[in-house]
Full PDB file with SEQRES, HELIX, SHEET, SSBOND, CRYST1, ORIGX, SCALE, CONECT and MASTER records, all heavy atoms in Angstrom:
SEQRES   1 A   43  MET GLU PRO GLU LEU PHE CYS LEU GLY ALA LEU HIS SER          
SEQRES   2 A   43  PRO SER THR GLY ILE ILE ASP SER HIS ALA LEU MET LEU          
SEQRES   3 A   43  ALA TYR LEU GLY ASP ALA GLU ALA HIS GLY ALA MET LEU          
SEQRES   4 A   43  ALA LEU LYS SER                                              
HELIX    1 AA1 SER A   21  ALA A   34  1                                  14    
CRYST1    1.000    1.000    1.000  90.00  90.00  90.00 P 1           1          
ORIGX1      1.000000  0.000000  0.000000        0.00000                         
ORIGX2      0.000000  1.000000  0.000000        0.00000                         
ORIGX3      0.000000  0.000000  1.000000        0.00000                         
SCALE1      1.000000  0.000000  0.000000        0.00000                         
SCALE2      0.000000  1.000000  0.000000        0.00000                         
SCALE3      0.000000  0.000000  1.000000        0.00000                         
ATOM      1  N   MET A   1       0.815  -1.211   0.000  1.00  0.00           N  
ATOM      2  CA  MET A   1       0.000   0.000   0.000  1.00  0.00           C  
ATOM      3  C   MET A   1       0.852   1.266   0.000  1.00  0.00           C  
ATOM      4  O   MET A   1       0.537   2.240  -0.693  1.00  0.00           O  
ATOM      5  CB  MET A   1      -0.931  -0.012   1.225  1.00  0.00           C  
ATOM      6  CG  MET A   1      -1.942  -1.140   1.209  1.00  0.00           C  
ATOM      7  SD  MET A   1      -2.778  -1.357   2.808  1.00  0.00           S  
ATOM      8  CE  MET A   1      -3.741   0.133   2.901  1.00  0.00           C  
ATOM      9  N   GLU A   2       1.908   1.257   0.812  1.00  0.00           N  
ATOM     10  CA  GLU A   2       2.787   2.432   0.959  1.00  0.00           C  
ATOM     11  C   GLU A   2       4.236   1.949   0.949  1.00  0.00           C  
ATOM     12  O   GLU A   2       4.816   1.649   1.993  1.00  0.00           O  
ATOM     13  CB  GLU A   2       2.476   3.180   2.267  1.00  0.00           C  
ATOM     14  CG  GLU A   2       1.061   3.725   2.379  1.00  0.00           C  
ATOM     15  CD  GLU A   2       0.837   4.951   1.487  1.00  0.00           C  
ATOM     16  OE1 GLU A   2       1.792   5.412   0.826  1.00  0.00           O  
ATOM     17  OE2 GLU A   2      -0.309   5.440   1.452  1.00  0.00           O  
ATOM     18  N   PRO A   3       4.870   1.842  -0.232  1.00  0.00           N  
ATOM     19  CA  PRO A   3       6.191   1.235  -0.338  1.00  0.00           C  
ATOM     20  C   PRO A   3       7.287   1.906   0.492  1.00  0.00           C  
ATOM     21  O   PRO A   3       8.260   1.252   0.864  1.00  0.00           O  
ATOM     22  CB  PRO A   3       6.494   1.342  -1.841  1.00  0.00           C  
ATOM     23  CG  PRO A   3       5.161   1.406  -2.496  1.00  0.00           C  
ATOM     24  CD  PRO A   3       4.284   2.151  -1.547  1.00  0.00           C  
ATOM     25  N   GLU A   4       7.147   3.200   0.790  1.00  0.00           N  
ATOM     26  CA  GLU A   4       8.191   3.911   1.543  1.00  0.00           C  
ATOM     27  C   GLU A   4       8.075   3.695   3.053  1.00  0.00           C  
ATOM     28  O   GLU A   4       8.946   4.114   3.811  1.00  0.00           O  
ATOM     29  CB  GLU A   4       8.105   5.411   1.249  1.00  0.00           C  
ATOM     30  CG  GLU A   4       8.444   5.796  -0.170  1.00  0.00           C  
ATOM     31  CD  GLU A   4       9.937   5.868  -0.400  1.00  0.00           C  
ATOM     32  OE1 GLU A   4      10.684   6.000   0.588  1.00  0.00           O  
ATOM     33  OE2 GLU A   4      10.358   5.775  -1.567  1.00  0.00           O  
ATOM     34  N   LEU A   5       7.006   3.044   3.490  1.00  0.00           N  
ATOM     35  CA  LEU A   5       6.705   2.961   4.912  1.00  0.00           C  
ATOM     36  C   LEU A   5       7.329   1.725   5.545  1.00  0.00           C  
ATOM     37  O   LEU A   5       7.285   0.629   4.982  1.00  0.00           O  
ATOM     38  CB  LEU A   5       5.180   2.926   5.081  1.00  0.00           C  
ATOM     39  CG  LEU A   5       4.599   3.137   6.476  1.00  0.00           C  
ATOM     40  CD1 LEU A   5       4.982   4.493   7.023  1.00  0.00           C  
ATOM     41  CD2 LEU A   5       3.071   3.002   6.409  1.00  0.00           C  
ATOM     42  N   PHE A   6       7.898   1.895   6.757  1.00  0.00           N  
ATOM     43  CA  PHE A   6       8.412   0.772   7.537  1.00  0.00           C  
ATOM     44  C   PHE A   6       7.508   0.545   8.739  1.00  0.00           C  
ATOM     45  O   PHE A   6       7.154   1.490   9.457  1.00  0.00           O  
ATOM     46  CB  PHE A   6       9.832   1.038   8.035  1.00  0.00           C  
ATOM     47  CG  PHE A   6      10.255   0.078   9.120  1.00  0.00           C  
ATOM     48  CD1 PHE A   6      10.654  -1.217   8.797  1.00  0.00           C  
ATOM     49  CD2 PHE A   6      10.198   0.448  10.462  1.00  0.00           C  
ATOM     50  CE1 PHE A   6      11.003  -2.118   9.788  1.00  0.00           C  
ATOM     51  CE2 PHE A   6      10.554  -0.453  11.464  1.00  0.00           C  
ATOM     52  CZ  PHE A   6      10.957  -1.739  11.123  1.00  0.00           C  
ATOM     53  N   CYS A   7       7.154  -0.712   8.997  1.00  0.00           N  
ATOM     54  CA  CYS A   7       6.440  -1.055  10.228  1.00  0.00           C  
ATOM     55  C   CYS A   7       6.455  -2.561  10.399  1.00  0.00           C  
ATOM     56  O   CYS A   7       6.783  -3.310   9.475  1.00  0.00           O  
ATOM     57  CB  CYS A   7       5.009  -0.523  10.213  1.00  0.00           C  
ATOM     58  SG  CYS A   7       3.916  -1.358   9.044  1.00  0.00           S  
ATOM     59  N   LEU A   8       6.087  -3.015  11.597  1.00  0.00           N  
ATOM     60  CA  LEU A   8       5.939  -4.437  11.875  1.00  0.00           C  
ATOM     61  C   LEU A   8       4.494  -4.897  11.706  1.00  0.00           C  
ATOM     62  O   LEU A   8       4.213  -6.091  11.690  1.00  0.00           O  
ATOM     63  CB  LEU A   8       6.412  -4.736  13.300  1.00  0.00           C  
ATOM     64  CG  LEU A   8       7.869  -4.397  13.610  1.00  0.00           C  
ATOM     65  CD1 LEU A   8       8.214  -4.791  15.035  1.00  0.00           C  
ATOM     66  CD2 LEU A   8       8.815  -5.061  12.624  1.00  0.00           C  
ATOM     67  N   GLY A   9       3.597  -3.971  11.601  1.00  0.00           N  
ATOM     68  CA  GLY A   9       2.174  -4.230  11.442  1.00  0.00           C  
ATOM     69  C   GLY A   9       1.432  -2.920  11.586  1.00  0.00           C  
ATOM     70  O   GLY A   9       2.004  -1.901  12.006  1.00  0.00           O  
ATOM     71  N   ALA A  10       0.165  -2.917  11.227  1.00  0.00           N  
ATOM     72  CA  ALA A  10      -0.576  -1.662  11.254  1.00  0.00           C  
ATOM     73  C   ALA A  10      -2.067  -1.926  11.396  1.00  0.00           C  
ATOM     74  O   ALA A  10      -2.554  -3.036  11.180  1.00  0.00           O  
ATOM     75  CB  ALA A  10      -0.311  -0.865   9.981  1.00  0.00           C  
ATOM     76  N   LEU A  11      -2.778  -0.872  11.769  1.00  0.00           N  
ATOM     77  CA  LEU A  11      -4.229  -0.832  11.669  1.00  0.00           C  
ATOM     78  C   LEU A  11      -4.593   0.006  10.453  1.00  0.00           C  
ATOM     79  O   LEU A  11      -3.982   1.052  10.200  1.00  0.00           O  
ATOM     80  CB  LEU A  11      -4.851  -0.211  12.931  1.00  0.00           C  
ATOM     81  CG  LEU A  11      -4.707  -0.962  14.232  1.00  0.00           C  
ATOM     82  CD1 LEU A  11      -5.365  -0.177  15.359  1.00  0.00           C  
ATOM     83  CD2 LEU A  11      -5.308  -2.358  14.142  1.00  0.00           C  
ATOM     84  N   HIS A  12      -5.599  -0.444   9.718  1.00  0.00           N  
ATOM     85  CA  HIS A  12      -6.058   0.279   8.542  1.00  0.00           C  
ATOM     86  C   HIS A  12      -7.459   0.807   8.797  1.00  0.00           C  
ATOM     87  O   HIS A  12      -8.351   0.047   9.202  1.00  0.00           O  
ATOM     88  CB  HIS A  12      -6.058  -0.640   7.325  1.00  0.00           C  
ATOM     89  CG  HIS A  12      -6.459   0.036   6.056  1.00  0.00           C  
ATOM     90  ND1 HIS A  12      -7.142  -0.603   5.047  1.00  0.00           N  
ATOM     91  CD2 HIS A  12      -6.280   1.321   5.634  1.00  0.00           C  
ATOM     92  CE1 HIS A  12      -7.359   0.248   4.059  1.00  0.00           C  
ATOM     93  NE2 HIS A  12      -6.854   1.415   4.383  1.00  0.00           N  
ATOM     94  N   SER A  13      -7.647   2.106   8.602  1.00  0.00           N  
ATOM     95  CA  SER A  13      -8.974   2.719   8.688  1.00  0.00           C  
ATOM     96  C   SER A  13      -9.340   3.238   7.303  1.00  0.00           C  
ATOM     97  O   SER A  13      -8.996   4.364   6.934  1.00  0.00           O  
ATOM     98  CB  SER A  13      -8.966   3.869   9.699  1.00  0.00           C  
ATOM     99  OG  SER A  13     -10.180   4.601   9.649  1.00  0.00           O  
ATOM    100  N   PRO A  14     -10.022   2.433   6.490  1.00  0.00           N  
ATOM    101  CA  PRO A  14     -10.296   2.842   5.106  1.00  0.00           C  
ATOM    102  C   PRO A  14     -11.281   3.996   4.979  1.00  0.00           C  
ATOM    103  O   PRO A  14     -11.301   4.676   3.949  1.00  0.00           O  
ATOM    104  CB  PRO A  14     -10.874   1.565   4.475  1.00  0.00           C  
ATOM    105  CG  PRO A  14     -11.427   0.779   5.625  1.00  0.00           C  
ATOM    106  CD  PRO A  14     -10.522   1.082   6.789  1.00  0.00           C  
ATOM    107  N   SER A  15     -12.092   4.240   6.007  1.00  0.00           N  
ATOM    108  CA  SER A  15     -13.117   5.281   5.903  1.00  0.00           C  
ATOM    109  C   SER A  15     -12.624   6.657   6.344  1.00  0.00           C  
ATOM    110  O   SER A  15     -13.375   7.636   6.255  1.00  0.00           O  
ATOM    111  CB  SER A  15     -14.343   4.892   6.736  1.00  0.00           C  
ATOM    112  OG  SER A  15     -13.989   4.711   8.096  1.00  0.00           O  
ATOM    113  N   THR A  16     -11.387   6.760   6.816  1.00  0.00           N  
ATOM    114  CA  THR A  16     -10.853   8.060   7.225  1.00  0.00           C  
ATOM    115  C   THR A  16     -10.735   8.981   6.019  1.00  0.00           C  
ATOM    116  O   THR A  16     -10.330   8.557   4.930  1.00  0.00           O  
ATOM    117  CB  THR A  16      -9.472   7.892   7.877  1.00  0.00           C  
ATOM    118  OG1 THR A  16      -9.627   7.201   9.119  1.00  0.00           O  
ATOM    119  CG2 THR A  16      -8.821   9.246   8.151  1.00  0.00           C  
ATOM    120  N   GLY A  17     -11.068  10.247   6.204  1.00  0.00           N  
ATOM    121  CA  GLY A  17     -10.973  11.216   5.124  1.00  0.00           C  
ATOM    122  C   GLY A  17     -10.461  12.556   5.608  1.00  0.00           C  
ATOM    123  O   GLY A  17     -10.182  12.747   6.803  1.00  0.00           O  
ATOM    124  N   ILE A  18     -10.299  13.479   4.699  1.00  0.00           N  
ATOM    125  CA  ILE A  18      -9.859  14.827   5.020  1.00  0.00           C  
ATOM    126  C   ILE A  18     -10.866  15.817   4.447  1.00  0.00           C  
ATOM    127  O   ILE A  18     -11.555  15.527   3.453  1.00  0.00           O  
ATOM    128  CB  ILE A  18      -8.447  15.121   4.461  1.00  0.00           C  
ATOM    129  CG1 ILE A  18      -8.379  14.835   2.955  1.00  0.00           C  
ATOM    130  CG2 ILE A  18      -7.401  14.301   5.203  1.00  0.00           C  
ATOM    131  CD1 ILE A  18      -7.030  15.142   2.335  1.00  0.00           C  
ATOM    132  N   ILE A  19     -10.964  16.977   5.084  1.00  0.00           N  
ATOM    133  CA  ILE A  19     -11.883  18.015   4.635  1.00  0.00           C  
ATOM    134  C   ILE A  19     -11.167  19.361   4.666  1.00  0.00           C  
ATOM    135  O   ILE A  19     -10.086  19.490   5.243  1.00  0.00           O  
ATOM    136  CB  ILE A  19     -13.144  18.097   5.522  1.00  0.00           C  
ATOM    137  CG1 ILE A  19     -12.763  18.519   6.965  1.00  0.00           C  
ATOM    138  CG2 ILE A  19     -13.918  16.808   5.529  1.00  0.00           C  
ATOM    139  CD1 ILE A  19     -13.949  18.918   7.800  1.00  0.00           C  
ATOM    140  N   ASP A  20     -11.787  20.339   4.052  1.00  0.00           N  
ATOM    141  CA  ASP A  20     -11.340  21.729   4.156  1.00  0.00           C  
ATOM    142  C   ASP A  20     -11.965  22.303   5.426  1.00  0.00           C  
ATOM    143  O   ASP A  20     -13.154  22.610   5.462  1.00  0.00           O  
ATOM    144  CB  ASP A  20     -11.787  22.502   2.915  1.00  0.00           C  
ATOM    145  CG  ASP A  20     -11.301  23.943   2.904  1.00  0.00           C  
ATOM    146  OD1 ASP A  20     -11.098  24.515   3.989  1.00  0.00           O  
ATOM    147  OD2 ASP A  20     -11.135  24.498   1.800  1.00  0.00           O  
ATOM    148  N   SER A  21     -11.162  22.414   6.502  1.00  0.00           N  
ATOM    149  CA  SER A  21     -11.713  22.819   7.800  1.00  0.00           C  
ATOM    150  C   SER A  21     -12.267  24.236   7.766  1.00  0.00           C  
ATOM    151  O   SER A  21     -13.274  24.537   8.423  1.00  0.00           O  
ATOM    152  CB  SER A  21     -10.651  22.682   8.894  1.00  0.00           C  
ATOM    153  OG  SER A  21      -9.515  23.460   8.595  1.00  0.00           O  
ATOM    154  N   HIS A  22     -11.639  25.127   7.014  1.00  0.00           N  
ATOM    155  CA  HIS A  22     -12.139  26.502   6.945  1.00  0.00           C  
ATOM    156  C   HIS A  22     -13.483  26.553   6.217  1.00  0.00           C  
ATOM    157  O   HIS A  22     -14.378  27.307   6.610  1.00  0.00           O  
ATOM    158  CB  HIS A  22     -11.106  27.399   6.263  1.00  0.00           C  
ATOM    159  CG  HIS A  22      -9.862  27.598   7.076  1.00  0.00           C  
ATOM    160  ND1 HIS A  22      -9.816  28.452   8.158  1.00  0.00           N  
ATOM    161  CD2 HIS A  22      -8.644  27.022   6.987  1.00  0.00           C  
ATOM    162  CE1 HIS A  22      -8.607  28.406   8.690  1.00  0.00           C  
ATOM    163  NE2 HIS A  22      -7.876  27.546   8.008  1.00  0.00           N  
ATOM    164  N   ALA A  23     -13.629  25.731   5.170  1.00  0.00           N  
ATOM    165  CA  ALA A  23     -14.916  25.668   4.484  1.00  0.00           C  
ATOM    166  C   ALA A  23     -16.000  25.125   5.413  1.00  0.00           C  
ATOM    167  O   ALA A  23     -17.156  25.576   5.375  1.00  0.00           O  
ATOM    168  CB  ALA A  23     -14.803  24.798   3.232  1.00  0.00           C  
ATOM    169  N   LEU A  24     -15.637  24.156   6.260  1.00  0.00           N  
ATOM    170  CA  LEU A  24     -16.597  23.619   7.221  1.00  0.00           C  
ATOM    171  C   LEU A  24     -17.064  24.707   8.180  1.00  0.00           C  
ATOM    172  O   LEU A  24     -18.268  24.854   8.440  1.00  0.00           O  
ATOM    173  CB  LEU A  24     -15.967  22.465   8.001  1.00  0.00           C  
ATOM    174  CG  LEU A  24     -16.811  21.877   9.133  1.00  0.00           C  
ATOM    175  CD1 LEU A  24     -18.058  21.203   8.574  1.00  0.00           C  
ATOM    176  CD2 LEU A  24     -15.992  20.888   9.969  1.00  0.00           C  
ATOM    177  N   MET A  25     -16.121  25.493   8.703  1.00  0.00           N  
ATOM    178  CA  MET A  25     -16.492  26.553   9.643  1.00  0.00           C  
ATOM    179  C   MET A  25     -17.350  27.622   8.970  1.00  0.00           C  
ATOM    180  O   MET A  25     -18.303  28.142   9.576  1.00  0.00           O  
ATOM    181  CB  MET A  25     -15.234  27.161  10.258  1.00  0.00           C  
ATOM    182  CG  MET A  25     -14.546  26.224  11.238  1.00  0.00           C  
ATOM    183  SD  MET A  25     -13.116  26.941  12.060  1.00  0.00           S  
ATOM    184  CE  MET A  25     -11.857  26.727  10.805  1.00  0.00           C  
ATOM    185  N   LEU A  26     -17.048  27.947   7.713  1.00  0.00           N  
ATOM    186  CA  LEU A  26     -17.882  28.909   6.992  1.00  0.00           C  
ATOM    187  C   LEU A  26     -19.286  28.354   6.770  1.00  0.00           C  
ATOM    188  O   LEU A  26     -20.270  29.102   6.828  1.00  0.00           O  
ATOM    189  CB  LEU A  26     -17.234  29.257   5.658  1.00  0.00           C  
ATOM    190  CG  LEU A  26     -16.000  30.158   5.725  1.00  0.00           C  
ATOM    191  CD1 LEU A  26     -15.361  30.289   4.352  1.00  0.00           C  
ATOM    192  CD2 LEU A  26     -16.356  31.540   6.268  1.00  0.00           C  
ATOM    193  N   ALA A  27     -19.384  27.051   6.516  1.00  0.00           N  
ATOM    194  CA  ALA A  27     -20.705  26.432   6.350  1.00  0.00           C  
ATOM    195  C   ALA A  27     -21.496  26.497   7.656  1.00  0.00           C  
ATOM    196  O   ALA A  27     -22.693  26.806   7.656  1.00  0.00           O  
ATOM    197  CB  ALA A  27     -20.546  24.989   5.891  1.00  0.00           C  
ATOM    198  N   TYR A  28     -20.814  26.199   8.776  1.00  0.00           N  
ATOM    199  CA  TYR A  28     -21.489  26.318  10.074  1.00  0.00           C  
ATOM    200  C   TYR A  28     -21.970  27.756  10.302  1.00  0.00           C  
ATOM    201  O   TYR A  28     -23.089  27.995  10.772  1.00  0.00           O  
ATOM    202  CB  TYR A  28     -20.531  25.935  11.195  1.00  0.00           C  
ATOM    203  CG  TYR A  28     -20.286  24.456  11.368  1.00  0.00           C  
ATOM    204  CD1 TYR A  28     -19.233  24.004  12.182  1.00  0.00           C  
ATOM    205  CD2 TYR A  28     -21.075  23.494  10.751  1.00  0.00           C  
ATOM    206  CE1 TYR A  28     -18.994  22.647  12.362  1.00  0.00           C  
ATOM    207  CE2 TYR A  28     -20.844  22.140  10.927  1.00  0.00           C  
ATOM    208  CZ  TYR A  28     -19.795  21.725  11.728  1.00  0.00           C  
ATOM    209  OH  TYR A  28     -19.546  20.389  11.917  1.00  0.00           O  
ATOM    210  N   LEU A  29     -21.097  28.725   9.995  1.00  0.00           N  
ATOM    211  CA  LEU A  29     -21.466  30.123  10.202  1.00  0.00           C  
ATOM    212  C   LEU A  29     -22.662  30.494   9.332  1.00  0.00           C  
ATOM    213  O   LEU A  29     -23.591  31.179   9.796  1.00  0.00           O  
ATOM    214  CB  LEU A  29     -20.272  31.025   9.885  1.00  0.00           C  
ATOM    215  CG  LEU A  29     -20.519  32.536   9.984  1.00  0.00           C  
ATOM    216  CD1 LEU A  29     -20.971  32.921  11.392  1.00  0.00           C  
ATOM    217  CD2 LEU A  29     -19.270  33.307   9.583  1.00  0.00           C  
ATOM    218  N   GLY A  30     -22.668  30.042   8.084  1.00  0.00           N  
ATOM    219  CA  GLY A  30     -23.793  30.344   7.200  1.00  0.00           C  
ATOM    220  C   GLY A  30     -25.092  29.774   7.729  1.00  0.00           C  
ATOM    221  O   GLY A  30     -26.129  30.456   7.723  1.00  0.00           O  
ATOM    222  N   ASP A  31     -25.055  28.532   8.220  1.00  0.00           N  
ATOM    223  CA  ASP A  31     -26.264  27.927   8.792  1.00  0.00           C  
ATOM    224  C   ASP A  31     -26.718  28.703  10.029  1.00  0.00           C  
ATOM    225  O   ASP A  31     -27.926  28.928  10.222  1.00  0.00           O  
ATOM    226  CB  ASP A  31     -25.995  26.469   9.170  1.00  0.00           C  
ATOM    227  CG  ASP A  31     -25.939  25.550   7.967  1.00  0.00           C  
ATOM    228  OD1 ASP A  31     -26.323  25.993   6.864  1.00  0.00           O  
ATOM    229  OD2 ASP A  31     -25.509  24.389   8.120  1.00  0.00           O  
ATOM    230  N   ALA A  32     -25.753  29.096  10.875  1.00  0.00           N  
ATOM    231  CA  ALA A  32     -26.104  29.832  12.096  1.00  0.00           C  
ATOM    232  C   ALA A  32     -26.744  31.179  11.761  1.00  0.00           C  
ATOM    233  O   ALA A  32     -27.778  31.553  12.335  1.00  0.00           O  
ATOM    234  CB  ALA A  32     -24.861  30.031  12.957  1.00  0.00           C  
ATOM    235  N   GLU A  33     -26.158  31.905  10.828  1.00  0.00           N  
ATOM    236  CA  GLU A  33     -26.704  33.219  10.465  1.00  0.00           C  
ATOM    237  C   GLU A  33     -28.067  33.085   9.798  1.00  0.00           C  
ATOM    238  O   GLU A  33     -28.942  33.934   9.985  1.00  0.00           O  
ATOM    239  CB  GLU A  33     -25.723  33.946   9.554  1.00  0.00           C  
ATOM    240  CG  GLU A  33     -24.462  34.394  10.288  1.00  0.00           C  
ATOM    241  CD  GLU A  33     -23.448  35.077   9.379  1.00  0.00           C  
ATOM    242  OE1 GLU A  33     -23.499  34.849   8.149  1.00  0.00           O  
ATOM    243  OE2 GLU A  33     -22.605  35.831   9.899  1.00  0.00           O  
ATOM    244  N   ALA A  34     -28.264  32.006   9.052  1.00  0.00           N  
ATOM    245  CA  ALA A  34     -29.567  31.774   8.422  1.00  0.00           C  
ATOM    246  C   ALA A  34     -30.661  31.548   9.455  1.00  0.00           C  
ATOM    247  O   ALA A  34     -31.847  31.745   9.161  1.00  0.00           O  
ATOM    248  CB  ALA A  34     -29.483  30.581   7.465  1.00  0.00           C  
ATOM    249  N   HIS A  35     -30.261  31.136  10.667  1.00  0.00           N  
ATOM    250  CA  HIS A  35     -31.222  30.920  11.746  1.00  0.00           C  
ATOM    251  C   HIS A  35     -31.203  32.052  12.774  1.00  0.00           C  
ATOM    252  O   HIS A  35     -31.677  31.892  13.906  1.00  0.00           O  
ATOM    253  CB  HIS A  35     -30.942  29.582  12.433  1.00  0.00           C  
ATOM    254  CG  HIS A  35     -31.317  28.398  11.593  1.00  0.00           C  
ATOM    255  ND1 HIS A  35     -30.515  27.912  10.579  1.00  0.00           N  
ATOM    256  CD2 HIS A  35     -32.431  27.610  11.590  1.00  0.00           C  
ATOM    257  CE1 HIS A  35     -31.095  26.881  10.003  1.00  0.00           C  
ATOM    258  NE2 HIS A  35     -32.260  26.675  10.590  1.00  0.00           N  
ATOM    259  N   GLY A  36     -30.636  33.193  12.400  1.00  0.00           N  
ATOM    260  CA  GLY A  36     -30.721  34.381  13.253  1.00  0.00           C  
ATOM    261  C   GLY A  36     -29.540  34.650  14.151  1.00  0.00           C  
ATOM    262  O   GLY A  36     -29.570  35.602  14.932  1.00  0.00           O  
ATOM    263  N   ALA A  37     -28.490  33.840  14.069  1.00  0.00           N  
ATOM    264  CA  ALA A  37     -27.309  34.065  14.919  1.00  0.00           C  
ATOM    265  C   ALA A  37     -26.464  35.211  14.367  1.00  0.00           C  
ATOM    266  O   ALA A  37     -26.561  35.585  13.195  1.00  0.00           O  
ATOM    267  CB  ALA A  37     -26.474  32.793  15.012  1.00  0.00           C  
ATOM    268  N   MET A  38     -25.626  35.751  15.236  1.00  0.00           N  
ATOM    269  CA  MET A  38     -24.722  36.823  14.843  1.00  0.00           C  
ATOM    270  C   MET A  38     -23.333  36.515  15.396  1.00  0.00           C  
ATOM    271  O   MET A  38     -23.186  36.125  16.560  1.00  0.00           O  
ATOM    272  CB  MET A  38     -25.208  38.168  15.398  1.00  0.00           C  
ATOM    273  CG  MET A  38     -24.308  39.347  15.057  1.00  0.00           C  
ATOM    274  SD  MET A  38     -24.880  40.887  15.834  1.00  0.00           S  
ATOM    275  CE  MET A  38     -26.465  41.085  15.022  1.00  0.00           C  
ATOM    276  N   LEU A  39     -22.315  36.662  14.561  1.00  0.00           N  
ATOM    277  CA  LEU A  39     -20.933  36.471  14.992  1.00  0.00           C  
ATOM    278  C   LEU A  39     -20.346  37.817  15.376  1.00  0.00           C  
ATOM    279  O   LEU A  39     -20.361  38.758  14.582  1.00  0.00           O  
ATOM    280  CB  LEU A  39     -20.103  35.853  13.857  1.00  0.00           C  
ATOM    281  CG  LEU A  39     -18.604  35.704  14.110  1.00  0.00           C  
ATOM    282  CD1 LEU A  39     -18.339  34.710  15.239  1.00  0.00           C  
ATOM    283  CD2 LEU A  39     -17.889  35.277  12.837  1.00  0.00           C  
ATOM    284  N   ALA A  40     -19.834  37.911  16.605  1.00  0.00           N  
ATOM    285  CA  ALA A  40     -19.219  39.152  17.090  1.00  0.00           C  
ATOM    286  C   ALA A  40     -17.776  38.859  17.479  1.00  0.00           C  
ATOM    287  O   ALA A  40     -17.518  38.270  18.533  1.00  0.00           O  
ATOM    288  CB  ALA A  40     -19.998  39.705  18.274  1.00  0.00           C  
ATOM    289  N   LEU A  41     -16.835  39.249  16.628  1.00  0.00           N  
ATOM    290  CA  LEU A  41     -15.417  39.027  16.892  1.00  0.00           C  
ATOM    291  C   LEU A  41     -14.825  40.178  17.702  1.00  0.00           C  
ATOM    292  O   LEU A  41     -15.410  41.256  17.791  1.00  0.00           O  
ATOM    293  CB  LEU A  41     -14.660  38.872  15.564  1.00  0.00           C  
ATOM    294  CG  LEU A  41     -15.138  37.739  14.644  1.00  0.00           C  
ATOM    295  CD1 LEU A  41     -14.399  37.787  13.324  1.00  0.00           C  
ATOM    296  CD2 LEU A  41     -14.952  36.391  15.307  1.00  0.00           C  
ATOM    297  N   LYS A  42     -13.676  39.941  18.281  1.00  0.00           N  
ATOM    298  CA  LYS A  42     -12.954  40.949  19.060  1.00  0.00           C  
ATOM    299  C   LYS A  42     -13.869  41.592  20.099  1.00  0.00           C  
ATOM    300  O   LYS A  42     -13.889  42.808  20.267  1.00  0.00           O  
ATOM    301  CB  LYS A  42     -12.346  42.007  18.139  1.00  0.00           C  
ATOM    302  CG  LYS A  42     -11.316  41.432  17.171  1.00  0.00           C  
ATOM    303  CD  LYS A  42     -10.667  42.506  16.312  1.00  0.00           C  
ATOM    304  CE  LYS A  42      -9.630  41.893  15.375  1.00  0.00           C  
ATOM    305  NZ  LYS A  42      -8.988  42.915  14.514  1.00  0.00           N  
ATOM    306  N   SER A  43     -14.629  40.755  20.797  1.00  0.00           N  
ATOM    307  CA  SER A  43     -15.571  41.213  21.821  1.00  0.00           C  
ATOM    308  C   SER A  43     -15.328  40.412  23.094  1.00  0.00           C  
ATOM    309  O   SER A  43     -16.096  39.502  23.428  1.00  0.00           O  
ATOM    310  CB  SER A  43     -17.022  41.037  21.343  1.00  0.00           C  
ATOM    311  OG  SER A  43     -17.245  41.705  20.126  1.00  0.00           O  
TER     312      SER A  43                                                      
MASTER        0    0    0    1    0    0    0    6  311    1    0    4          
END                                                                             
């Protein structure tokens, strides 16, 4: 699977993934504002 890797054994998690964390936070903010929330920074 990974020719450069050394180990005696491993666990495989095939369902692990990566996301754009900043896009996730913007999506959360958009949902919150759509429901009447307000973000107040530097407060």
